[in-house]
Structures are given as C-alpha cells and as structure tokens.
Amino acid sequence: MILYLDCFSGISGDMFLGALLDLVIDEEEFIKQ
C-alpha cells in the first residue's frame, strides 16, 4: 500500500491522524498499534 500526501500548505498532526483513521478499517486495532 502507498499513501501519497500533497501537503502544499501544511498539515497539522490532528488533521493527519483524523485522515488516517478515516482510511483504516478497524480504528481500535489502529489505536492499539
């Protein structure tokens, strides 16, 4: 899997984490890891 981010104007940590959580199937498993 490849994730490409085009952050031409920047991205904050909470925005990035929220975007990742939208992509994963099981949020609880992601949080455990």
Protein backbone atom coordinates (compact mmCIF):
# COMPACT_ATOMS: atom_id res chain seq x y z
CA MET A 1 0.00 0.00 0.00
CA ILE A 2 1.20 3.50 -0.79
CA LEU A 3 -0.14 6.69 0.73
CA TYR A 4 0.75 9.92 -1.06
CA LEU A 5 0.19 13.21 0.75
CA ASP A 6 0.29 16.50 -1.15
CA CYS A 7 0.63 18.97 1.72
CA PHE A 8 1.38 22.11 -0.24
CA SER A 9 0.11 24.34 2.57
CA GLY A 10 0.99 22.10 5.52
CA ILE A 11 -0.97 19.72 7.71
CA SER A 12 -1.36 19.52 11.47
CA GLY A 13 -0.95 16.35 13.49
CA ASP A 14 -4.62 16.04 14.40
CA MET A 15 -5.71 16.55 10.78
CA PHE A 16 -3.27 13.85 9.65
CA LEU A 17 -4.39 11.41 12.35
CA GLY A 18 -8.06 12.04 11.52
CA ALA A 19 -7.40 11.35 7.84
CA LEU A 20 -5.59 8.11 8.69
CA LEU A 21 -8.41 6.95 10.95
CA ASP A 22 -10.87 7.50 8.09
CA LEU A 23 -8.78 5.16 5.91
CA VAL A 24 -8.37 2.21 8.28
CA ILE A 25 -11.00 -0.48 8.67
CA ASP A 26 -10.67 -1.12 12.41
CA GLU A 27 -9.93 2.06 14.37
CA GLU A 28 -9.44 0.23 17.68
CA GLU A 29 -6.76 -2.03 16.19
CA PHE A 30 -5.02 1.04 14.75
CA ILE A 31 -5.05 2.75 18.14
CA LYS A 32 -3.61 -0.37 19.84
CA GLN A 33 -0.67 -0.41 17.46
